[in-house]
Protein backbone atom coordinates (compact mmCIF):
# COMPACT_ATOMS: atom_id res chain seq x y z
CA MET A 1 92.06 97.85 111.31
CA SER A 2 95.16 100.04 111.76
CA GLU A 3 93.29 103.02 110.28
CA LEU A 4 90.40 102.60 112.73
CA LEU A 5 92.69 102.30 115.76
CA LEU A 6 94.83 105.25 114.68
CA SER A 7 91.73 107.41 114.12
CA SER A 8 90.49 106.51 117.63
CA LEU A 9 93.85 107.47 119.15
CA LEU A 10 93.87 110.77 117.27
CA ARG A 11 90.35 111.53 118.49
CA GLN A 12 91.43 110.78 122.06
CA ALA A 13 94.42 113.10 121.62
CA LEU A 14 92.10 115.88 120.43
CA LEU A 15 89.79 115.44 123.43
CA LEU A 16 92.71 115.29 125.87
CA SER A 17 94.28 118.46 124.45
CA ALA A 18 90.98 120.35 124.59
CA ALA A 19 90.39 119.30 128.21
CA VAL A 20 93.92 120.25 129.32
CA LEU A 21 93.71 123.66 127.66
CA LEU A 22 90.37 124.30 129.36
CA LEU A 23 91.74 123.30 132.77
CA TRP A 24 94.84 125.43 132.20
CA ALA A 25 92.63 128.47 131.54
CA LEU A 26 90.50 127.80 134.64
CA HIS A 27 93.27 126.73 137.01
CA ARG A 28 93.81 130.01 138.87
CA PRO A 29 90.06 130.61 139.46
CA LEU A 30 89.76 127.04 140.71
CA LEU A 31 92.66 127.51 143.13
CA ARG A 32 90.81 130.47 144.60
CA LEU A 33 88.02 128.05 145.48
CA GLY A 34 90.57 125.88 147.23
CA ALA A 35 93.14 123.20 146.44
CA SER A 36 90.49 120.49 146.67
CA ALA A 37 88.50 122.15 143.88
CA ALA A 38 91.57 122.36 141.64
CA TYR A 39 92.39 118.69 142.27
CA ALA A 40 88.80 117.53 141.71
CA SER A 41 88.62 119.40 138.40
CA TRP A 42 91.07 116.90 136.87
CA LEU A 43 88.17 114.44 136.77
CA LEU A 44 87.24 116.23 133.55
CA LEU A 45 90.02 114.41 131.68
CA PRO A 46 88.71 110.84 132.14
CA LEU A 47 85.13 112.07 131.69
CA LEU A 48 85.89 113.55 128.27
CA LEU A 49 88.03 110.61 127.17
CA LEU A 50 85.18 108.22 127.97
CA THR A 51 82.54 110.10 125.95
CA PRO A 52 83.32 108.39 122.59
CA ALA A 53 82.69 104.98 124.21
CA LEU A 54 79.26 105.91 125.58
CA PRO A 55 76.18 104.56 123.72
CA ARG A 56 74.51 107.03 121.41
CA PRO A 57 70.87 107.37 120.33
CA GLY A 58 70.03 106.95 116.67
CA ARG A 59 68.70 110.48 116.04
CA GLU A 60 71.00 112.49 118.28
CA PRO A 61 68.30 114.39 120.28
CA LEU A 62 71.01 116.20 122.26
CA GLN A 63 72.23 118.02 119.18
CA ARG A 64 68.67 118.97 118.25
CA ALA A 65 67.91 120.22 121.77
CA LEU A 66 71.07 122.32 121.91
CA GLN A 67 70.35 123.77 118.49
CA ALA A 68 66.79 124.69 119.51
CA ALA A 69 67.96 126.21 122.81
CA THR A 70 70.66 128.37 121.23
CA ASN A 71 68.80 129.08 117.98
CA ALA A 72 72.02 128.32 116.10
CA ASP A 73 73.62 125.51 114.20
CA MET A 74 75.17 122.89 116.42
CA THR A 75 78.87 122.69 115.61
CA GLU A 76 80.20 119.16 115.71
CA LEU A 77 83.70 118.28 116.81
CA PRO A 78 85.91 117.97 113.74
CA ALA A 79 86.27 114.49 112.36
CA VAL A 80 89.74 113.04 112.84
CA VAL A 81 91.04 111.28 109.76
CA ALA A 82 93.94 108.87 109.95
CA PRO A 83 96.84 109.18 107.49
CA ALA A 84 96.71 107.35 104.17
CA THR A 85 96.18 103.62 104.43
CA ASP A 86 99.65 102.65 103.30
CA HIS A 87 101.16 104.78 106.12
CA ALA A 88 98.58 104.20 108.88
CA ALA A 89 100.21 100.98 110.04
CA LEU A 90 103.63 102.68 110.25
CA TRP A 91 102.27 105.63 112.26
CA LEU A 92 100.45 103.23 114.58
CA VAL A 93 103.62 101.20 115.16
CA LEU A 94 105.61 104.37 115.96
CA TRP A 95 102.87 105.58 118.31
CA LEU A 96 102.68 102.29 120.22
CA ALA A 97 106.48 101.88 120.26
CA GLY A 98 106.84 105.25 122.00
CA ALA A 99 104.16 104.25 124.50
CA ALA A 100 105.99 100.99 125.20
CA VAL A 101 109.23 102.87 125.91
CA VAL A 102 107.50 105.17 128.42
CA VAL A 103 105.83 102.20 130.13
CA ALA A 104 109.18 100.41 130.37
CA VAL A 105 110.86 103.45 131.94
CA GLN A 106 108.05 103.93 134.47
CA ALA A 107 107.98 100.22 135.31
CA ARG A 108 111.73 100.30 135.99
CA ARG A 109 111.34 103.30 138.30
CA GLN A 110 108.59 101.50 140.21
CA TRP A 111 110.72 98.36 140.51
CA GLN A 112 113.71 100.34 141.77
CA LEU A 113 111.56 102.05 144.41
CA GLY A 114 109.92 98.77 145.42
CA ARG A 115 113.30 97.17 146.15
CA PHE A 116 113.77 99.46 149.16
CA GLY A 117 110.60 98.24 150.87
CA GLU A 118 109.49 100.43 153.77
CA ARG A 119 112.96 101.90 154.44
CA LEU A 120 114.31 104.37 151.90
CA PRO A 121 117.90 105.62 151.75
CA ALA A 122 118.67 108.77 153.71
CA GLY A 123 117.89 111.95 151.84
CA ARG A 124 114.75 110.58 150.20
CA SER A 125 111.25 111.97 150.63
CA PRO A 126 108.63 109.93 152.52
CA ALA A 127 106.07 108.37 150.17
CA LEU A 128 103.04 106.13 150.02
CA VAL A 129 104.06 103.30 147.68
CA GLY A 130 101.88 100.71 145.95
CA LEU A 131 98.31 100.34 144.79
CA LEU A 132 96.43 97.34 146.21
CA ARG A 133 98.25 97.29 149.56
CA PRO A 134 100.07 100.62 149.74
CA HIS A 135 102.65 101.14 152.46
CA VAL A 136 104.43 104.20 153.77
CA ALA A 137 108.13 104.20 152.91
CA LEU A 138 110.25 106.40 155.20
CA PRO A 139 113.88 107.49 154.75
CA ALA A 140 116.54 106.15 157.09
CA ASP A 141 117.08 109.62 158.61
CA PHE A 142 113.36 110.30 159.12
CA GLU A 143 113.55 110.46 162.94
CA GLN A 144 116.70 112.61 162.94
CA ARG A 145 115.52 115.07 160.26
CA PHE A 146 111.98 115.76 161.57
CA SER A 147 110.63 116.50 165.03
CA ALA A 148 107.91 114.35 166.60
CA ALA A 149 105.19 116.87 165.71
CA GLU A 150 106.45 117.11 162.11
CA ARG A 151 106.56 113.33 161.79
CA GLU A 152 102.94 113.10 162.92
CA LEU A 153 101.83 115.58 160.25
CA ILE A 154 103.83 113.84 157.53
CA LEU A 155 102.29 110.48 158.38
CA ALA A 156 98.84 112.11 158.42
CA HIS A 157 99.62 113.51 154.96
CA GLU A 158 100.41 110.03 153.63
CA GLN A 159 97.28 108.65 155.31
CA VAL A 160 95.16 111.14 153.35
CA HIS A 161 96.81 109.87 150.16
CA ARG A 162 95.85 106.33 151.18
CA GLU A 163 92.23 107.21 152.00
CA ARG A 164 91.71 109.04 148.72
CA GLY A 165 93.33 106.35 146.59
CA ASP A 166 95.66 108.91 145.04
CA ASN A 167 98.00 106.27 143.66
CA LEU A 168 95.20 105.05 141.41
CA TRP A 169 94.94 108.53 139.90
CA ASN A 170 98.71 108.63 139.56
CA LEU A 171 98.54 105.36 137.65
CA LEU A 172 95.89 106.82 135.34
CA ALA A 173 98.09 109.87 134.74
CA CYS A 174 101.00 107.57 133.95
CA ALA A 175 98.88 105.62 131.46
CA LEU A 176 97.73 108.79 129.68
CA THR A 177 101.26 110.20 129.41
CA ALA A 178 102.47 106.85 128.07
CA LEU A 179 99.70 106.65 125.48
CA HIS A 180 100.12 110.31 124.49
CA TRP A 181 103.89 110.50 124.97
CA TRP A 182 104.35 112.88 122.03
CA ASN A 183 101.86 115.45 123.40
CA PRO A 184 103.48 118.03 125.75
CA LEU A 185 100.04 118.91 127.13
CA ALA A 186 99.73 115.39 128.55
CA TRP A 187 103.03 115.71 130.44
CA TRP A 188 102.13 119.17 131.75
CA ALA A 189 98.75 117.88 132.90
CA ALA A 190 100.32 114.97 134.80
CA ARG A 191 102.74 117.27 136.66
CA ARG A 192 100.03 119.83 137.40
CA MET A 193 97.60 117.18 138.63
CA GLN A 194 100.17 115.74 141.05
CA ALA A 195 101.02 119.23 142.32
CA ASP A 196 97.31 119.90 142.93
CA GLN A 197 97.11 116.50 144.61
CA GLU A 198 99.74 117.55 147.14
CA LEU A 199 98.05 120.91 147.74
CA ALA A 200 94.70 119.20 148.34
CA CYS A 201 96.36 116.77 150.74
CA ASP A 202 97.96 119.68 152.63
CA ALA A 203 94.54 121.33 153.00
CA ALA A 204 92.98 118.09 154.30
CA VAL A 205 95.70 117.61 156.92
CA LEU A 206 95.43 121.19 158.17
CA ALA A 207 91.66 120.76 158.44
CA ARG A 208 92.25 117.74 160.71
CA TYR A 209 94.96 119.47 162.76
CA PRO A 210 93.84 123.06 163.37
CA GLY A 211 96.63 125.33 164.55
CA SER A 212 99.39 123.13 163.08
CA ARG A 213 100.21 125.45 160.17
CA PRO A 214 103.60 126.67 161.58
CA THR A 215 104.75 123.11 162.24
CA TYR A 216 103.51 121.98 158.84
CA THR A 217 105.33 124.84 157.13
CA GLN A 218 108.55 123.96 158.93
CA ALA A 219 108.22 120.31 157.84
CA LEU A 220 107.82 121.42 154.22
CA MET A 221 110.90 123.62 154.43
CA THR A 222 112.93 120.83 156.01
CA ALA A 223 111.91 118.37 153.28
CA HIS A 224 112.41 120.81 150.39
CA HIS A 225 115.78 119.37 149.33
CA LEU A 226 114.85 115.71 149.75
CA MET A 227 114.81 113.54 146.62
CA PRO A 228 111.18 112.73 145.72
CA ALA A 229 110.07 109.32 144.55
CA ARG A 230 109.37 109.55 140.81
CA ALA A 231 107.67 106.19 140.39
CA PRO A 232 104.07 106.17 139.08
CA LEU A 233 102.65 104.42 142.16
CA ALA A 234 104.08 106.78 144.78
CA SER A 235 102.24 109.63 146.51
CA ARG A 236 105.06 111.61 148.01
CA TRP A 237 105.43 114.21 150.74
CA GLY A 238 107.68 116.43 148.66
CA SER A 239 106.56 117.61 145.23
CA SER A 240 107.75 119.52 142.19
CA HIS A 241 105.41 122.37 143.19
CA PRO A 242 107.39 125.57 144.03
CA LEU A 243 107.90 125.75 147.78
CA VAL A 244 106.86 129.41 148.06
CA GLU A 245 103.56 128.75 146.30
CA ARG A 246 102.91 125.64 148.36
CA ILE A 247 103.47 127.51 151.61
CA THR A 248 101.31 130.38 150.32
CA MET A 249 98.51 127.92 149.66
CA LEU A 250 98.73 126.76 153.29
CA ASN A 251 97.51 130.20 154.34
CA ARG A 252 94.45 129.75 152.10
CA SER A 253 93.85 126.08 152.84
CA ARG A 254 90.23 125.23 153.33
CA THR A 255 87.99 122.30 152.61
CA LEU A 256 85.53 122.44 149.75
CA PRO A 257 81.96 123.04 151.02
CA ARG A 258 79.33 120.57 149.89
CA ARG A 259 77.43 123.13 147.84
CA ARG A 260 80.53 124.18 145.94
CA ALA A 261 81.53 120.55 145.49
CA ALA A 262 78.10 119.78 144.03
CA ALA A 263 78.28 122.85 141.75
CA LEU A 264 81.74 121.80 140.54
CA ALA A 265 80.54 118.25 139.86
CA LEU A 266 77.58 119.56 137.85
CA ALA A 267 79.89 121.86 135.87
CA LEU A 268 82.24 118.98 135.01
CA LEU A 269 79.32 116.79 133.96
CA GLY A 270 77.94 119.66 131.89
CA VAL A 271 81.19 120.09 129.98
CA ALA A 272 81.40 116.34 129.38
CA GLY A 273 77.78 116.35 128.22
CA LEU A 274 78.45 119.14 125.71
CA ALA A 275 81.45 117.23 124.35
CA TYR A 276 79.35 114.08 124.10
CA ALA A 277 76.57 115.90 122.23
CA ALA A 278 78.99 117.57 119.82
CA GLN A 279 80.65 114.37 118.69
CA THR A 280 79.69 112.65 115.48
CA PRO A 281 78.68 109.05 116.21
CA PRO A 282 81.22 106.56 114.87
CA GLN A 283 78.32 104.46 113.55
CA ALA A 284 77.13 107.32 111.35
CA ALA A 285 80.61 107.91 110.02
CA SER A 286 80.97 104.21 109.23
CA ALA A 287 77.62 104.17 107.44
CA THR A 288 78.62 107.17 105.34
CA GLN A 289 81.87 105.52 104.37
CA ALA A 290 80.03 102.31 103.52
CA ALA A 291 77.58 104.22 101.29
CA GLN A 292 80.43 105.99 99.50
CA PRO A 293 83.22 103.52 98.63
CA GLN A 294 86.76 104.78 98.21
CA LYS A 295 87.39 106.14 94.70
CA VAL A 296 90.47 105.33 92.62
CA GLU A 297 91.99 106.86 89.51
CA ILE A 298 93.56 104.72 86.76
CA ARG A 299 95.87 106.57 84.39
CA LEU A 300 96.87 104.59 81.31
CA ASN A 301 99.40 104.90 78.53
CA VAL A 302 98.63 102.43 75.73
CA THR A 303 100.57 101.90 72.50
CA SER A 304 99.66 99.49 69.72
CA GLY A 305 101.48 100.11 66.42
CA ALA A 306 100.72 103.67 65.37
CA PHE A 307 97.92 103.99 67.92
CA LYS A 308 98.73 105.85 71.15
CA ALA A 309 96.39 107.00 73.91
CA ALA A 310 96.50 108.20 77.51
CA PRO A 311 93.01 107.64 78.96
CA ARG A 312 92.01 108.30 82.58
CA LEU A 313 89.44 106.21 84.42
CA ILE A 314 87.81 107.02 87.76
CA THR A 315 86.04 104.20 89.52
CA ALA A 316 85.36 102.81 93.00
CA LEU A 317 87.13 100.08 94.87
CA GLY A 318 85.65 96.69 93.99
CA GLU A 319 83.75 97.96 90.95
CA ARG A 320 84.56 96.81 87.42
CA SER A 321 85.35 99.47 84.81
CA SER A 322 85.99 99.03 81.09
CA LEU A 323 87.80 100.77 78.27
CA GLN A 324 87.24 99.88 74.59
CA TRP A 325 88.45 101.18 71.23
CA GLY A 326 88.93 99.97 67.65
CA GLY A 327 87.52 100.35 64.13
CA THR A 328 85.52 97.09 63.88
CA ALA A 329 84.36 94.43 66.30
CA ALA A 330 87.01 92.02 65.00
CA GLN A 331 89.79 94.60 65.51
CA SER A 332 88.73 96.22 68.78
CA TRP A 333 90.52 96.17 72.12
CA ARG A 334 88.73 95.94 75.46
CA LEU A 335 90.35 96.34 78.89
CA ASP A 336 88.45 95.51 82.08
CA PHE A 337 89.85 96.72 85.43
CA THR A 338 88.90 95.84 89.01
CA VAL A 339 90.80 97.48 91.88
CA THR A 340 90.59 96.18 95.46
CA ARG A 341 92.61 96.84 98.59
CA GLY A 342 94.31 94.18 100.68
CA ASP A 343 94.72 93.98 104.45
CA ASP A 344 98.21 95.46 104.10
CA GLY A 345 96.80 98.58 102.45
CA LYS A 346 98.24 97.77 99.02
CA LEU A 347 96.09 98.06 95.90
CA GLN A 348 95.35 94.89 93.95
CA VAL A 349 94.68 95.61 90.27
CA LEU A 350 93.07 92.91 88.13
CA THR A 351 93.36 93.59 84.36
CA GLN A 352 91.40 91.43 81.88
CA PRO A 353 92.26 92.29 78.24
CA SER A 354 90.47 91.01 75.14
CA TYR A 355 90.89 91.57 71.38
CA GLY A 356 88.16 90.99 68.81
CA GLY A 357 85.95 89.51 71.54
CA LYS A 358 88.60 86.91 72.50
CA ALA A 359 89.78 86.94 76.13
CA LEU A 360 93.57 87.14 76.56
CA GLY A 361 93.79 85.91 80.12
CA GLU A 362 94.19 88.19 83.11
CA HIS A 363 96.93 90.00 84.94
CA LYS A 364 97.14 90.79 88.67
CA GLY A 365 99.32 93.54 90.04
CA VAL A 366 99.92 94.59 93.66
CA LEU A 367 101.21 98.10 94.29
CA ALA A 368 100.96 101.10 96.58
CA SER A 369 98.84 104.10 95.71
CA GLY A 370 100.60 106.23 93.07
CA GLU A 371 102.95 103.50 91.84
CA SER A 372 103.04 102.42 88.19
CA PHE A 373 103.54 99.10 86.47
CA GLY A 374 103.68 98.02 82.83
CA GLN A 375 102.58 95.01 80.78
CA ARG A 376 102.90 93.77 77.21
CA ILE A 377 99.93 91.92 75.67
CA GLY A 378 99.51 90.07 72.34
CA GLY A 379 102.05 90.05 69.55
CA SER A 380 101.13 86.55 68.26
CA ASP A 381 98.22 84.50 66.83
CA GLY A 382 96.91 87.49 64.88
CA VAL A 383 96.69 89.72 67.97
CA PRO A 384 98.67 92.96 67.63
CA ALA A 385 101.11 93.85 70.39
CA LEU A 386 99.82 96.25 73.02
CA GLN A 387 102.17 97.98 75.47
CA MET A 388 100.35 99.32 78.52
CA THR A 389 101.44 101.27 81.62
CA ARG A 390 99.08 101.87 84.53
CA VAL A 391 99.23 104.28 87.50
CA VAL A 392 96.55 103.64 90.15
CA THR A 393 95.94 106.30 92.82
CA LEU A 394 93.49 106.47 95.73
CA LEU A 395 91.35 109.61 95.60
CA PRO A 396 90.09 111.67 98.58
CA ALA A 397 86.97 110.33 100.29
CA ASP A 398 84.95 113.42 99.27
CA PHE A 399 85.93 113.18 95.59
CA LYS A 400 82.91 113.57 93.30
CA MET A 401 82.58 111.32 90.29
CA PRO A 402 82.56 113.19 86.95
CA SER A 403 79.36 113.08 84.93
CA HIS A 404 81.11 112.03 81.68
CA GLU A 405 83.01 108.89 80.76
CA SER A 406 86.69 109.03 79.85
CA LYS A 407 87.56 107.86 76.36
CA PRO A 408 90.97 107.27 74.81
CA ARG A 409 92.20 109.93 72.45
CA SER A 410 94.53 109.19 69.58
């Protein structure tokens, strides 16, 4: 279970990183289309992250169609393999522990901001706070710091945040940075998305108030040194975006025409569709793993009187393998091994020895891959003593079984 969950998280991290790098490369061209286009392009992140959860057809016609259209082999996204079983649980715990710390920090920030209600201390930036019933929180010196015209524009700015539901997108960004706390691309994406959010809001306000650009610019300059609200559910007036760039964007502020908006939406859906088509279905991967059980290697050192041998067995989990030697049937040894894996990832080795056709009980050992354990058998009732040491190791999933059987050598 831990392996499956860790593999899913790693696949999500790969998709998120690919989407952020793509948006980083396209950010400047998108800004030339307008701040609204740059902000809308961040929809690509949730679209790509949702593609693994979408239902898939049995024969993958999308891959076949793309291959026929391009006359080339369709390259699949690389499979993400979780670490070895005995470490997967540890990595998963560390991953989720880091996410829990980030969530706790963000929750504390939101609680501290919520305590102020609708009146923030002086020197704070105005903000739209909350999700279900958001309210505008204004600093105590709001009336003294801004003129009446500036206050009207600031409140219009926060109203645009409310109408667009920007705090919901801020919450999604917070969730992604918490889940991928170790990935610097996730943190950069969250900051860049919120900066584009503010630029898009500026453009929408200026579209509603033509001719207000000088007043709007003055309000931005007045609020530049105010402390912004850093809680996840807070769309603020001030932002981490450089002031010079934000004012520069005011001179290029324009709404996104419907045709360009439709073209951008089709482009985002096209990229998500390509990512969906390139992914290997989890069902197919599971079927392949089920058809090819995990292989294990058993290295032995056996000593019985003058006889010594170091045989090597390769078998599959859950399958019984045998090793036999001796001059006559009455003086021959036989060792039967069955290796399984428990829920904790440890290997469970069942050894069933026999001498001269007589069973000598069974021995169960639990160990991690690569560990060794020893056992002494016989030594009474006419059965010679046998000292045995076993090392059991999991083999790679693509390991090919040898065509010959291993036999002990004296």
